[in-house]
Protein backbone atom coordinates (compact mmCIF):
# COMPACT_ATOMS: atom_id res chain seq x y z
CA MET A 1 145.07 -43.98 -19.08
CA SER A 2 146.18 -41.49 -17.41
CA ASP A 3 149.62 -42.21 -15.42
CA ILE A 4 149.12 -40.53 -12.38
CA ASN A 5 150.16 -37.48 -11.22
CA LYS A 6 153.57 -36.39 -9.98
CA ASP A 7 153.06 -32.97 -9.33
CA VAL A 8 150.41 -34.09 -6.03
CA HIS A 9 153.55 -36.82 -4.40
CA LYS A 10 155.49 -33.57 -3.51
CA HIS A 11 152.83 -32.38 -1.48
CA ASP A 12 153.96 -32.21 2.48
CA LEU A 13 151.84 -34.97 4.13
CA LEU A 14 152.56 -32.87 7.62
CA GLY A 15 149.65 -33.77 10.20
CA GLY A 16 150.21 -36.37 11.75
CA ARG A 17 147.16 -38.21 10.78
CA LEU A 18 145.83 -39.87 7.92
CA CYS A 19 142.87 -37.90 8.46
CA LEU A 20 144.55 -34.38 9.11
CA ASP A 21 146.30 -34.77 5.95
CA PHE A 22 143.48 -34.92 3.65
CA ALA A 23 142.15 -31.83 5.67
CA ASN A 24 145.47 -29.86 5.01
CA THR A 25 144.59 -30.84 0.90
CA VAL A 26 144.36 -27.08 0.37
CA SER A 27 146.60 -25.15 0.63
CA TRP A 28 146.55 -21.81 2.99
CA HIS A 29 142.83 -23.18 3.57
CA ASP A 30 141.98 -20.23 5.84
CA SER A 31 141.70 -17.47 3.22
CA SER A 32 139.37 -17.46 0.62
CA GLU A 33 141.95 -15.61 -1.50
CA LYS A 34 145.08 -17.59 -1.01
CA SER A 35 143.77 -21.16 -0.99
CA GLN A 36 144.80 -23.67 -3.75
CA GLU A 37 142.71 -26.68 -4.54
CA LEU A 38 145.00 -30.22 -4.15
CA LEU A 39 142.43 -32.38 -5.36
CA THR A 40 141.20 -30.15 -8.75
CA SER A 41 140.35 -34.52 -10.54
CA TYR A 42 139.63 -37.25 -9.47
CA GLU A 43 143.14 -38.57 -10.52
CA LYS A 44 144.92 -36.58 -8.47
CA LEU A 45 142.28 -37.91 -4.91
CA VAL A 46 143.53 -41.32 -6.44
CA SER A 47 147.11 -39.39 -6.69
CA TRP A 48 147.22 -37.99 -3.37
CA SER A 49 145.45 -41.77 -1.83
CA LEU A 50 148.94 -43.51 -3.27
CA HIS A 51 151.10 -40.50 -2.13
CA ALA A 52 149.73 -41.27 1.48
CA ASN A 53 149.61 -44.88 1.20
CA ILE A 54 145.76 -45.25 1.30
CA LEU A 55 146.54 -47.18 -1.96
CA LYS A 56 148.80 -49.25 -3.53
CA LYS A 57 149.86 -48.59 -6.94
CA GLN A 58 148.11 -51.12 -8.62
CA GLN A 59 145.46 -50.21 -6.74
CA SER A 60 145.13 -47.02 -8.47
CA LEU A 61 145.87 -48.17 -11.78
CA SER A 62 142.79 -50.05 -11.82
CA LEU A 63 140.49 -47.02 -10.22
CA LEU A 64 141.89 -44.41 -12.69
CA LYS A 65 141.21 -47.23 -15.30
CA LYS A 66 137.75 -47.89 -14.03
CA ALA A 67 137.15 -44.33 -13.70
CA GLU A 68 137.71 -43.44 -17.54
CA SER A 69 134.50 -46.36 -18.25
CA GLN A 70 132.60 -44.75 -15.10
CA PRO A 71 133.24 -40.65 -15.19
CA SER A 72 130.19 -39.53 -13.57
CA LYS A 73 130.37 -41.91 -10.97
CA ALA A 74 134.15 -40.77 -10.33
CA LYS A 75 133.63 -36.88 -10.43
CA GLU A 76 130.43 -37.71 -7.95
CA VAL A 77 133.66 -39.20 -5.60
CA LEU A 78 135.43 -36.55 -5.94
CA GLN A 79 132.84 -34.18 -4.76
CA GLN A 80 132.11 -36.63 -2.07
CA ALA A 81 135.90 -36.37 -1.55
CA ILE A 82 135.36 -32.88 -0.68
CA GLU A 83 132.11 -32.50 1.43
CA LEU A 84 134.09 -35.25 4.04
CA ARG A 85 137.18 -33.00 3.96
CA GLU A 86 135.95 -29.77 4.63
CA SER A 87 133.62 -31.22 6.86
CA ILE A 88 136.38 -32.74 8.62
CA TYR A 89 138.98 -29.72 8.16
CA GLN A 90 135.94 -27.65 10.23
CA ILE A 91 135.14 -29.91 12.24
CA PHE A 92 139.03 -30.71 14.10
CA SER A 93 139.46 -26.74 13.35
CA LEU A 94 136.99 -25.97 15.96
CA VAL A 95 138.12 -28.70 18.31
CA SER A 96 141.67 -27.05 18.46
CA ASN A 97 139.63 -24.37 19.76
CA ASN A 98 137.56 -25.93 21.97
CA GLU A 99 134.53 -25.22 20.36
CA THR A 100 131.79 -27.14 19.37
CA PRO A 101 131.49 -28.24 15.49
CA SER A 102 128.33 -27.73 14.02
CA SER A 103 125.55 -30.76 13.94
CA LYS A 104 126.25 -30.56 9.74
CA ASP A 105 130.09 -30.62 9.52
CA LEU A 106 129.10 -34.22 12.29
CA SER A 107 126.28 -35.72 10.31
CA ILE A 108 128.49 -35.56 6.94
CA LEU A 109 131.12 -37.87 8.85
CA ASN A 110 128.58 -39.64 10.47
CA GLU A 111 126.84 -40.84 7.26
CA ALA A 112 130.55 -41.70 5.56
CA LEU A 113 130.76 -43.66 9.01
CA GLY A 114 128.52 -45.88 7.96
CA ASN A 115 129.34 -45.81 4.29
CA ALA A 116 132.67 -47.39 5.68
CA TYR A 117 131.85 -49.29 8.47
CA GLY A 118 129.61 -51.14 5.78
CA MET A 119 132.80 -52.30 3.46
CA MET A 120 134.35 -54.03 6.67
CA ARG A 121 134.61 -57.13 7.48
CA ILE A 122 136.59 -58.94 11.37
CA VAL A 123 139.29 -60.77 10.12
CA PRO A 124 141.19 -63.71 11.67
CA GLY A 125 144.58 -64.23 11.87
CA GLU A 126 147.56 -65.11 14.57
CA ASN A 127 145.56 -64.95 18.57
CA LYS A 128 143.68 -61.88 17.30
CA PHE A 129 140.99 -60.89 14.54
CA SER A 130 140.97 -57.06 12.85
CA LEU A 131 138.66 -55.09 11.03
CA GLU A 132 139.76 -54.41 6.99
CA PHE A 133 138.23 -52.79 4.46
CA PHE A 134 136.76 -54.83 1.48
CA CYS A 135 135.51 -52.52 -1.11
CA GLU A 136 136.64 -54.26 -4.37
CA GLU A 137 137.89 -51.62 -6.06
CA ALA A 138 135.32 -48.89 -5.47
CA LEU A 139 135.95 -45.52 -6.88
CA ASP A 140 135.71 -44.86 -2.98
CA GLU A 141 137.56 -47.35 -1.31
CA MET A 142 140.27 -44.32 -0.51
CA LEU A 143 137.87 -42.90 1.72
CA PRO A 144 137.00 -44.93 4.37
CA PRO A 145 140.16 -45.16 6.45
CA ILE A 146 140.36 -41.37 6.19
CA VAL A 147 137.23 -41.44 7.87
CA GLN A 148 138.58 -44.57 10.53
CA SER A 149 141.20 -42.39 11.13
CA ALA A 150 139.22 -39.76 11.78
CA ILE A 151 136.42 -41.32 13.97
CA GLU A 152 140.25 -42.68 16.02
CA ILE A 153 141.13 -38.75 16.93
CA LEU A 154 137.43 -37.56 18.06
CA ILE A 155 137.24 -40.95 20.48
CA SER A 156 140.73 -39.92 22.11
CA GLU A 157 140.68 -38.33 24.48
CA LYS A 158 144.33 -37.45 24.60
CA GLU A 159 144.44 -37.40 20.39
CA LEU A 160 141.65 -34.52 20.65
CA SER A 161 143.60 -32.55 22.61
CA ARG A 162 146.26 -32.22 20.64
CA VAL A 163 144.66 -31.87 17.17
CA LYS A 164 146.68 -27.92 16.53
CA LYS A 165 145.82 -25.12 13.43
CA CYS A 166 149.00 -23.62 12.42
CA GLU A 167 149.69 -20.41 13.57
CA GLY A 168 151.15 -19.31 10.39
CA ALA A 169 147.71 -17.28 9.20
CA PRO A 170 146.12 -17.89 6.80
CA CYS A 171 147.61 -21.54 5.95
CA GLY A 172 145.38 -23.08 8.46
CA TRP A 173 146.54 -26.59 7.94
CA LEU A 174 145.79 -29.12 11.01
CA PHE A 175 148.46 -30.99 13.13
CA LEU A 176 148.57 -33.46 16.07
CA ASP A 177 150.70 -32.30 18.09
CA THR A 178 153.01 -35.10 19.97
CA SER A 179 155.89 -33.23 21.35
CA ARG A 180 156.17 -33.73 25.16
CA ASN A 181 155.13 -30.49 26.48
CA ARG A 182 152.79 -29.83 23.62
CA SER A 183 154.87 -26.69 22.37
CA ARG A 184 154.44 -27.36 18.29
CA ARG A 185 153.04 -23.57 16.40
CA TRP A 186 153.50 -24.87 13.33
CA CYS A 187 152.61 -27.16 10.38
CA SER A 188 156.42 -26.84 9.58
CA MET A 189 158.73 -25.43 10.68
CA GLU A 190 160.47 -24.43 7.29
CA ASP A 191 157.79 -22.65 6.41
CA CYS A 192 155.22 -20.91 7.77
CA GLY A 193 157.63 -20.74 11.47
CA ASN A 194 160.29 -19.05 9.40
CA ARG A 195 158.48 -16.76 7.90
CA ALA A 196 156.81 -16.05 11.30
CA LYS A 197 160.75 -15.70 12.02
CA ALA A 198 161.07 -13.38 8.98
CA ARG A 199 157.70 -11.09 10.11
CA ARG A 200 159.27 -10.67 13.35
CA HIS A 201 163.01 -10.04 12.58
CA TYR A 202 161.18 -7.48 10.57
CA LYS A 203 158.88 -5.67 12.79
CA LYS A 204 162.03 -5.46 15.40
CA LYS A 205 163.76 -3.48 12.88
CA GLY A 206 161.11 -1.30 11.95
CA ARG A 207 160.28 -0.24 15.69
CA GLN A 208 164.24 0.13 15.78
CA LYS A 209 164.59 2.36 13.30
């Protein structure tokens, strides 16, 4: 059985919400030439899910073992995950620009929503009830929490208005701006923010010559 991929653990989670971190599993998402896919295998999908705290380590190892005996199904789940991710990315990219998402992307998310809620059960607790996912080690068990995260943002007027796209083109990463005055512009000041600062510096020096 393959061990859990360690490289995925270096991938930053800067979106502020699970679905936005999932949308950011492509580096330089807005560039057809520079974009780099993180989820190149089912193993990496599982590893990222562990990294994002969707799965626990034992769940991850069990899924990898199950995937070895069902490689075609694992490949199908990977393709499903990527399709869902791209729909989430397109939906929130347009929302961040005050545009309406396409009916195709909404249909993909709605279909995933139906599948996700088919895996949910009401569970009694102390003085309250909660919704929990019961997937019984299904190969796609990492997807319902991502779908739930996307729906929670979409139906929250407050959070929906705070979804932004990094201004460090062609980064394209999405994030929830939780700053008090909604002034966040970059996925990371240390990354895209510093690059923008450096570009302004060299542009200013060029004008001074």
